[in-house]
Amino acid sequence: MIEGGQIKHDRLKKEQLTLAELEIAGNKQGFGSLDEVDRAVLEPGGQFSFTGKKPAPEAERHSEVLARLDEITNELAKLRAEKS
């Protein structure tokens, strides 16, 4: 249904699925939107398998925030050491 981050509308039509149904399935598997999905496949049993893009935008922002917090912690430790 999604390949390389691109929605395959012809596949949705073939399986008689709407974009809204695909979005709901993605939401149930933890994706905020289909923009976060790299690949989505409809399995033979009728279940969807979703693979997220690497890295997810939220994960990247989270990593940036943690890195900044580490920098601040290190600077604070240096300041405290200088005071002693």
PDB file of N, CA and C in Angstrom:
ATOM      1  N   MET A   1       0.809  -1.194   0.000  1.00  0.00           N
ATOM      2  CA  MET A   1       0.000   0.000   0.000  1.00  0.00           C
ATOM      3  C   MET A   1       0.859   1.267   0.000  1.00  0.00           C
ATOM      4  N   ILE A   2       1.992   1.177   0.692  1.00  0.00           N
ATOM      5  CA  ILE A   2       2.961   2.280   0.701  1.00  0.00           C
ATOM      6  C   ILE A   2       4.328   1.675   0.431  1.00  0.00           C
ATOM      7  N   GLU A   3       5.048   2.284  -0.466  1.00  0.00           N
ATOM      8  CA  GLU A   3       6.380   1.808  -0.845  1.00  0.00           C
ATOM      9  C   GLU A   3       7.301   3.006  -0.939  1.00  0.00           C
ATOM     10  N   GLY A   4       8.403   2.983  -0.195  1.00  0.00           N
ATOM     11  CA  GLY A   4       9.342   4.104  -0.215  1.00  0.00           C
ATOM     12  C   GLY A   4       8.727   5.416   0.227  1.00  0.00           C
ATOM     13  N   GLY A   5       7.747   5.328   1.129  1.00  0.00           N
ATOM     14  CA  GLY A   5       7.082   6.527   1.626  1.00  0.00           C
ATOM     15  C   GLY A   5       5.991   7.063   0.712  1.00  0.00           C
ATOM     16  N   GLN A   6       5.778   6.409  -0.429  1.00  0.00           N
ATOM     17  CA  GLN A   6       4.780   6.857  -1.402  1.00  0.00           C
ATOM     18  C   GLN A   6       3.538   5.964  -1.356  1.00  0.00           C
ATOM     19  N   ILE A   7       2.387   6.572  -1.222  1.00  0.00           N
ATOM     20  CA  ILE A   7       1.133   5.819  -1.197  1.00  0.00           C
ATOM     21  C   ILE A   7       0.850   5.314  -2.605  1.00  0.00           C
ATOM     22  N   LYS A   8       0.554   4.039  -2.716  1.00  0.00           N
ATOM     23  CA  LYS A   8       0.249   3.408  -4.005  1.00  0.00           C
ATOM     24  C   LYS A   8      -1.269   3.325  -4.147  1.00  0.00           C
ATOM     25  N   HIS A   9      -1.846   4.356  -4.738  1.00  0.00           N
ATOM     26  CA  HIS A   9      -3.296   4.459  -4.851  1.00  0.00           C
ATOM     27  C   HIS A   9      -3.886   3.331  -5.687  1.00  0.00           C
ATOM     28  N   ASP A  10      -3.132   2.842  -6.678  1.00  0.00           N
ATOM     29  CA  ASP A  10      -3.631   1.734  -7.491  1.00  0.00           C
ATOM     30  C   ASP A  10      -3.800   0.466  -6.641  1.00  0.00           C
ATOM     31  N   ARG A  11      -2.911   0.256  -5.686  1.00  0.00           N
ATOM     32  CA  ARG A  11      -3.012  -0.906  -4.798  1.00  0.00           C
ATOM     33  C   ARG A  11      -4.191  -0.763  -3.840  1.00  0.00           C
ATOM     34  N   LEU A  12      -4.399   0.468  -3.352  1.00  0.00           N
ATOM     35  CA  LEU A  12      -5.567   0.709  -2.494  1.00  0.00           C
ATOM     36  C   LEU A  12      -6.850   0.394  -3.251  1.00  0.00           C
ATOM     37  N   LYS A  13      -6.925   0.866  -4.485  1.00  0.00           N
ATOM     38  CA  LYS A  13      -8.112   0.642  -5.315  1.00  0.00           C
ATOM     39  C   LYS A  13      -8.315  -0.848  -5.565  1.00  0.00           C
ATOM     40  N   LYS A  14      -7.226  -1.552  -5.852  1.00  0.00           N
ATOM     41  CA  LYS A  14      -7.303  -2.994  -6.127  1.00  0.00           C
ATOM     42  C   LYS A  14      -7.849  -3.760  -4.918  1.00  0.00           C
ATOM     43  N   GLU A  15      -7.448  -3.347  -3.727  1.00  0.00           N
ATOM     44  CA  GLU A  15      -7.886  -4.004  -2.489  1.00  0.00           C
ATOM     45  C   GLU A  15      -9.176  -3.397  -1.943  1.00  0.00           C
ATOM     46  N   GLN A  16      -9.734  -2.428  -2.654  1.00  0.00           N
ATOM     47  CA  GLN A  16     -10.957  -1.735  -2.268  1.00  0.00           C
ATOM     48  C   GLN A  16     -10.836  -1.110  -0.870  1.00  0.00           C
ATOM     49  N   LEU A  17      -9.717  -0.439  -0.666  1.00  0.00           N
ATOM     50  CA  LEU A  17      -9.458   0.265   0.581  1.00  0.00           C
ATOM     51  C   LEU A  17      -9.424   1.764   0.334  1.00  0.00           C
ATOM     52  N   THR A  18      -9.860   2.512   1.328  1.00  0.00           N
ATOM     53  CA  THR A  18      -9.781   3.969   1.224  1.00  0.00           C
ATOM     54  C   THR A  18      -8.515   4.443   1.942  1.00  0.00           C
ATOM     55  N   LEU A  19      -8.123   5.636   1.622  1.00  0.00           N
ATOM     56  CA  LEU A  19      -6.979   6.249   2.287  1.00  0.00           C
ATOM     57  C   LEU A  19      -7.257   6.396   3.782  1.00  0.00           C
ATOM     58  N   ALA A  20      -8.495   6.717   4.126  1.00  0.00           N
ATOM     59  CA  ALA A  20      -8.876   6.859   5.537  1.00  0.00           C
ATOM     60  C   ALA A  20      -8.696   5.532   6.279  1.00  0.00           C
ATOM     61  N   GLU A  21      -9.049   4.423   5.663  1.00  0.00           N
ATOM     62  CA  GLU A  21      -8.879   3.112   6.301  1.00  0.00           C
ATOM     63  C   GLU A  21      -7.403   2.803   6.537  1.00  0.00           C
ATOM     64  N   LEU A  22      -6.573   3.175   5.564  1.00  0.00           N
ATOM     65  CA  LEU A  22      -5.136   2.969   5.708  1.00  0.00           C
ATOM     66  C   LEU A  22      -4.587   3.846   6.835  1.00  0.00           C
ATOM     67  N   GLU A  23      -5.065   5.086   6.917  1.00  0.00           N
ATOM     68  CA  GLU A  23      -4.640   5.988   7.987  1.00  0.00           C
ATOM     69  C   GLU A  23      -5.043   5.449   9.359  1.00  0.00           C
ATOM     70  N   ILE A  24      -6.233   4.912   9.469  1.00  0.00           N
ATOM     71  CA  ILE A  24      -6.706   4.349  10.739  1.00  0.00           C
ATOM     72  C   ILE A  24      -5.831   3.166  11.143  1.00  0.00           C
ATOM     73  N   ALA A  25      -5.507   2.302  10.193  1.00  0.00           N
ATOM     74  CA  ALA A  25      -4.649   1.151  10.478  1.00  0.00           C
ATOM     75  C   ALA A  25      -3.268   1.623  10.947  1.00  0.00           C
ATOM     76  N   GLY A  26      -2.747   2.663  10.312  1.00  0.00           N
ATOM     77  CA  GLY A  26      -1.456   3.216  10.715  1.00  0.00           C
ATOM     78  C   GLY A  26      -1.506   3.805  12.118  1.00  0.00           C
ATOM     79  N   ASN A  27      -2.593   4.513  12.418  1.00  0.00           N
ATOM     80  CA  ASN A  27      -2.771   5.086  13.763  1.00  0.00           C
ATOM     81  C   ASN A  27      -2.817   3.995  14.823  1.00  0.00           C
ATOM     82  N   LYS A  28      -3.476   2.894  14.519  1.00  0.00           N
ATOM     83  CA  LYS A  28      -3.569   1.782  15.472  1.00  0.00           C
ATOM     84  C   LYS A  28      -2.204   1.167  15.750  1.00  0.00           C
ATOM     85  N   GLN A  29      -1.279   1.307  14.804  1.00  0.00           N
ATOM     86  CA  GLN A  29       0.065   0.761  15.002  1.00  0.00           C
ATOM     87  C   GLN A  29       1.052   1.827  15.475  1.00  0.00           C
ATOM     88  N   GLY A  30       0.520   2.987  15.881  1.00  0.00           N
ATOM     89  CA  GLY A  30       1.354   3.984  16.537  1.00  0.00           C
ATOM     90  C   GLY A  30       1.890   5.100  15.656  1.00  0.00           C
ATOM     91  N   PHE A  31       1.455   5.182  14.428  1.00  0.00           N
ATOM     92  CA  PHE A  31       1.918   6.245  13.540  1.00  0.00           C
ATOM     93  C   PHE A  31       0.943   7.414  13.589  1.00  0.00           C
ATOM     94  N   GLY A  32       1.496   8.624  13.766  1.00  0.00           N
ATOM     95  CA  GLY A  32       0.675   9.825  13.825  1.00  0.00           C
ATOM     96  C   GLY A  32       0.059  10.167  12.482  1.00  0.00           C
ATOM     97  N   SER A  33       0.786   9.872  11.420  1.00  0.00           N
ATOM     98  CA  SER A  33       0.286  10.110  10.064  1.00  0.00           C
ATOM     99  C   SER A  33       1.020   9.174   9.101  1.00  0.00           C
ATOM    100  N   LEU A  34       0.505   9.074   7.904  1.00  0.00           N
ATOM    101  CA  LEU A  34       1.135   8.206   6.906  1.00  0.00           C
ATOM    102  C   LEU A  34       2.458   8.781   6.410  1.00  0.00           C
ATOM    103  N   ASP A  35       2.720  10.055   6.712  1.00  0.00           N
ATOM    104  CA  ASP A  35       4.004  10.661   6.358  1.00  0.00           C
ATOM    105  C   ASP A  35       5.167  10.001   7.095  1.00  0.00           C
ATOM    106  N   GLU A  36       4.868   9.345   8.212  1.00  0.00           N
ATOM    107  CA  GLU A  36       5.892   8.676   9.015  1.00  0.00           C
ATOM    108  C   GLU A  36       6.185   7.254   8.534  1.00  0.00           C
ATOM    109  N   VAL A  37       5.396   6.774   7.547  1.00  0.00           N
ATOM    110  CA  VAL A  37       5.481   5.380   7.108  1.00  0.00           C
ATOM    111  C   VAL A  37       6.347   5.261   5.856  1.00  0.00           C
ATOM    112  N   ASP A  38       7.299   4.334   5.907  1.00  0.00           N
ATOM    113  CA  ASP A  38       8.115   4.027   4.735  1.00  0.00           C
ATOM    114  C   ASP A  38       7.470   2.941   3.893  1.00  0.00           C
ATOM    115  N   ARG A  39       6.864   1.955   4.572  1.00  0.00           N
ATOM    116  CA  ARG A  39       6.287   0.815   3.861  1.00  0.00           C
ATOM    117  C   ARG A  39       5.061   0.309   4.608  1.00  0.00           C
ATOM    118  N   ALA A  40       4.012   0.006   3.871  1.00  0.00           N
ATOM    119  CA  ALA A  40       2.818  -0.601   4.434  1.00  0.00           C
ATOM    120  C   ALA A  40       2.366  -1.715   3.498  1.00  0.00           C
ATOM    121  N   VAL A  41       2.128  -2.873   4.098  1.00  0.00           N
ATOM    122  CA  VAL A  41       1.746  -4.047   3.317  1.00  0.00           C
ATOM    123  C   VAL A  41       0.488  -4.649   3.917  1.00  0.00           C
ATOM    124  N   LEU A  42      -0.417  -5.083   3.064  1.00  0.00           N
ATOM    125  CA  LEU A  42      -1.594  -5.816   3.509  1.00  0.00           C
ATOM    126  C   LEU A  42      -1.240  -7.295   3.461  1.00  0.00           C
ATOM    127  N   GLU A  43      -1.180  -7.913   4.628  1.00  0.00           N
ATOM    128  CA  GLU A  43      -0.796  -9.322   4.732  1.00  0.00           C
ATOM    129  C   GLU A  43      -1.946 -10.221   4.289  1.00  0.00           C
ATOM    130  N   PRO A  44      -1.646 -11.476   3.925  1.00  0.00           N
ATOM    131  CA  PRO A  44      -2.692 -12.405   3.468  1.00  0.00           C
ATOM    132  C   PRO A  44      -3.851 -12.574   4.456  1.00  0.00           C
ATOM    133  N   GLY A  45      -3.602 -12.487   5.752  1.00  0.00           N
ATOM    134  CA  GLY A  45      -4.665 -12.635   6.743  1.00  0.00           C
ATOM    135  C   GLY A  45      -5.510 -11.390   6.924  1.00  0.00           C
ATOM    136  N   GLY A  46      -5.197 -10.324   6.195  1.00  0.00           N
ATOM    137  CA  GLY A  46      -5.959  -9.084   6.293  1.00  0.00           C
ATOM    138  C   GLY A  46      -5.369  -8.063   7.241  1.00  0.00           C
ATOM    139  N   GLN A  47      -4.254  -8.383   7.884  1.00  0.00           N
ATOM    140  CA  GLN A  47      -3.589  -7.452   8.779  1.00  0.00           C
ATOM    141  C   GLN A  47      -2.616  -6.574   7.995  1.00  0.00           C
ATOM    142  N   PHE A  48      -2.406  -5.363   8.509  1.00  0.00           N
ATOM    143  CA  PHE A  48      -1.434  -4.464   7.908  1.00  0.00           C
ATOM    144  C   PHE A  48      -0.103  -4.565   8.645  1.00  0.00           C
ATOM    145  N   SER A  49       0.975  -4.468   7.906  1.00  0.00           N
ATOM    146  CA  SER A  49       2.314  -4.351   8.480  1.00  0.00           C
ATOM    147  C   SER A  49       2.874  -3.014   8.038  1.00  0.00           C
ATOM    148  N   PHE A  50       3.266  -2.195   9.007  1.00  0.00           N
ATOM    149  CA  PHE A  50       3.815  -0.871   8.738  1.00  0.00           C
ATOM    150  C   PHE A  50       5.274  -0.820   9.165  1.00  0.00           C
ATOM    151  N   THR A  51       6.087  -0.157   8.370  1.00  0.00           N
ATOM    152  CA  THR A  51       7.481   0.094   8.708  1.00  0.00           C
ATOM    153  C   THR A  51       7.684   1.604   8.654  1.00  0.00           C
ATOM    154  N   GLY A  52       8.205   2.158   9.732  1.00  0.00           N
ATOM    155  CA  GLY A  52       8.403   3.602   9.806  1.00  0.00           C
ATOM    156  C   GLY A  52       9.646   4.052   9.067  1.00  0.00           C
ATOM    157  N   LYS A  53       9.634   5.323   8.714  1.00  0.00           N
ATOM    158  CA  LYS A  53      10.824   5.926   8.114  1.00  0.00           C
ATOM    159  C   LYS A  53      11.883   6.023   9.186  1.00  0.00           C
ATOM    160  N   LYS A  54      13.120   5.951   8.799  1.00  0.00           N
ATOM    161  CA  LYS A  54      14.231   6.001   9.750  1.00  0.00           C
ATOM    162  C   LYS A  54      14.940   7.324   9.640  1.00  0.00           C
ATOM    163  N   PRO A  55      15.220   8.042  10.655  1.00  0.00           N
ATOM    164  CA  PRO A  55      14.508   8.000  11.928  1.00  0.00           C
ATOM    165  C   PRO A  55      13.212   8.781  11.824  1.00  0.00           C
ATOM    166  N   ALA A  56      12.305   8.474  12.683  1.00  0.00           N
ATOM    167  CA  ALA A  56      11.046   9.218  12.733  1.00  0.00           C
ATOM    168  C   ALA A  56      11.358  10.647  13.177  1.00  0.00           C
ATOM    169  N   PRO A  57      10.625  11.620  12.678  1.00  0.00           N
ATOM    170  CA  PRO A  57      10.906  13.017  13.057  1.00  0.00           C
ATOM    171  C   PRO A  57      10.902  13.240  14.570  1.00  0.00           C
ATOM    172  N   GLU A  58       9.982  12.590  15.272  1.00  0.00           N
ATOM    173  CA  GLU A  58       9.922  12.762  16.725  1.00  0.00           C
ATOM    174  C   GLU A  58      11.172  12.185  17.388  1.00  0.00           C
ATOM    175  N   ALA A  59      11.640  11.047  16.896  1.00  0.00           N
ATOM    176  CA  ALA A  59      12.836  10.424  17.466  1.00  0.00           C
ATOM    177  C   ALA A  59      14.061  11.303  17.240  1.00  0.00           C
ATOM    178  N   GLU A  60      14.136  11.921  16.083  1.00  0.00           N
ATOM    179  CA  GLU A  60      15.259  12.807  15.784  1.00  0.00           C
ATOM    180  C   GLU A  60      15.243  14.028  16.705  1.00  0.00           C
ATOM    181  N   ARG A  61      14.067  14.628  16.879  1.00  0.00           N
ATOM    182  CA  ARG A  61      13.945  15.783  17.784  1.00  0.00           C
ATOM    183  C   ARG A  61      14.271  15.377  19.211  1.00  0.00           C
ATOM    184  N   HIS A  62      13.821  14.208  19.611  1.00  0.00           N
ATOM    185  CA  HIS A  62      14.094  13.710  20.960  1.00  0.00           C
ATOM    186  C   HIS A  62      15.605  13.575  21.180  1.00  0.00           C
ATOM    187  N   SER A  63      16.291  13.032  20.206  1.00  0.00           N
ATOM    188  CA  SER A  63      17.745  12.877  20.308  1.00  0.00           C
ATOM    189  C   SER A  63      18.443  14.224  20.414  1.00  0.00           C
ATOM    190  N   GLU A  64      17.981  15.205  19.639  1.00  0.00           N
ATOM    191  CA  GLU A  64      18.566  16.539  19.688  1.00  0.00           C
ATOM    192  C   GLU A  64      18.378  17.174  21.068  1.00  0.00           C
ATOM    193  N   VAL A  65      17.191  17.019  21.632  1.00  0.00           N
ATOM    194  CA  VAL A  65      16.908  17.589  22.954  1.00  0.00           C
ATOM    195  C   VAL A  65      17.782  16.919  24.010  1.00  0.00           C
ATOM    196  N   LEU A  66      17.912  15.596  23.939  1.00  0.00           N
ATOM    197  CA  LEU A  66      18.759  14.892  24.907  1.00  0.00           C
ATOM    198  C   LEU A  66      20.217  15.329  24.800  1.00  0.00           C
ATOM    199  N   ALA A  67      20.691  15.532  23.589  1.00  0.00           N
ATOM    200  CA  ALA A  67      22.077  15.989  23.399  1.00  0.00           C
ATOM    201  C   ALA A  67      22.278  17.366  24.025  1.00  0.00           C
ATOM    202  N   ARG A  68      21.307  18.257  23.833  1.00  0.00           N
ATOM    203  CA  ARG A  68      21.406  19.595  24.425  1.00  0.00           C
ATOM    204  C   ARG A  68      21.368  19.519  25.955  1.00  0.00           C
ATOM    205  N   LEU A  69      20.526  18.651  26.497  1.00  0.00           N
ATOM    206  CA  LEU A  69      20.471  18.490  27.945  1.00  0.00           C
ATOM    207  C   LEU A  69      21.798  17.974  28.490  1.00  0.00           C
ATOM    208  N   ASP A  70      22.426  17.064  27.769  1.00  0.00           N
ATOM    209  CA  ASP A  70      23.744  16.571  28.185  1.00  0.00           C
ATOM    210  C   ASP A  70      24.763  17.710  28.205  1.00  0.00           C
ATOM    211  N   GLU A  71      24.729  18.575  27.183  1.00  0.00           N
ATOM    212  CA  GLU A  71      25.644  19.715  27.138  1.00  0.00           C
ATOM    213  C   GLU A  71      25.424  20.639  28.338  1.00  0.00           C
ATOM    214  N   ILE A  72      24.175  20.920  28.629  1.00  0.00           N
ATOM    215  CA  ILE A  72      23.844  21.804  29.754  1.00  0.00           C
ATOM    216  C   ILE A  72      24.294  21.177  31.067  1.00  0.00           C
ATOM    217  N   THR A  73      24.070  19.887  31.225  1.00  0.00           N
ATOM    218  CA  THR A  73      24.490  19.184  32.440  1.00  0.00           C
ATOM    219  C   THR A  73      25.996  19.261  32.617  1.00  0.00           C
ATOM    220  N   ASN A  74      26.731  19.057  31.540  1.00  0.00           N
ATOM    221  CA  ASN A  74      28.197  19.130  31.607  1.00  0.00           C
ATOM    222  C   ASN A  74      28.676  20.540  31.962  1.00  0.00           C
ATOM    223  N   GLU A  75      28.070  21.554  31.368  1.00  0.00           N
ATOM    224  CA  GLU A  75      28.442  22.931  31.669  1.00  0.00           C
ATOM    225  C   GLU A  75      28.142  23.277  33.133  1.00  0.00           C
ATOM    226  N   LEU A  76      27.018  22.809  33.617  1.00  0.00           N
ATOM    227  CA  LEU A  76      26.639  23.050  34.999  1.00  0.00           C
ATOM    228  C   LEU A  76      27.625  22.364  35.948  1.00  0.00           C
ATOM    229  N   ALA A  77      28.015  21.153  35.618  1.00  0.00           N
ATOM    230  CA  ALA A  77      28.999  20.435  36.451  1.00  0.00           C
ATOM    231  C   ALA A  77      30.333  21.175  36.483  1.00  0.00           C
ATOM    232  N   LYS A  78      30.752  21.732  35.359  1.00  0.00           N
ATOM    233  CA  LYS A  78      32.009  22.494  35.303  1.00  0.00           C
ATOM    234  C   LYS A  78      31.908  23.743  36.178  1.00  0.00           C
ATOM    235  N   LEU A  79      30.789  24.440  36.092  1.00  0.00           N
ATOM    236  CA  LEU A  79      30.602  25.636  36.902  1.00  0.00           C
ATOM    237  C   LEU A  79      30.623  25.315  38.395  1.00  0.00           C
ATOM    238  N   ARG A  80      29.998  24.234  38.772  1.00  0.00           N
ATOM    239  CA  ARG A  80      29.986  23.834  40.176  1.00  0.00           C
ATOM    240  C   ARG A  80      31.393  23.458  40.639  1.00  0.00           C
ATOM    241  N   ALA A  81      32.150  22.789  39.779  1.00  0.00           N
ATOM    242  CA  ALA A  81      33.522  22.391  40.124  1.00  0.00           C
ATOM    243  C   ALA A  81      34.409  23.624  40.303  1.00  0.00           C
ATOM    244  N   GLU A  82      34.206  24.658  39.485  1.00  0.00           N
ATOM    245  CA  GLU A  82      34.995  25.885  39.586  1.00  0.00           C
ATOM    246  C   GLU A  82      34.691  26.633  40.874  1.00  0.00           C
ATOM    247  N   LYS A  83      33.450  26.544  41.356  1.00  0.00           N
ATOM    248  CA  LYS A  83      33.044  27.221  42.578  1.00  0.00           C
ATOM    249  C   LYS A  83      33.676  26.580  43.807  1.00  0.00           C
ATOM    250  N   SER A  84      33.938  25.304  43.715  1.00  0.00           N
ATOM    251  CA  SER A  84      34.464  24.570  44.894  1.00  0.00           C
ATOM    252  C   SER A  84      35.912  24.800  45.139  1.00  0.00           C
TER     253      SER A  84
END
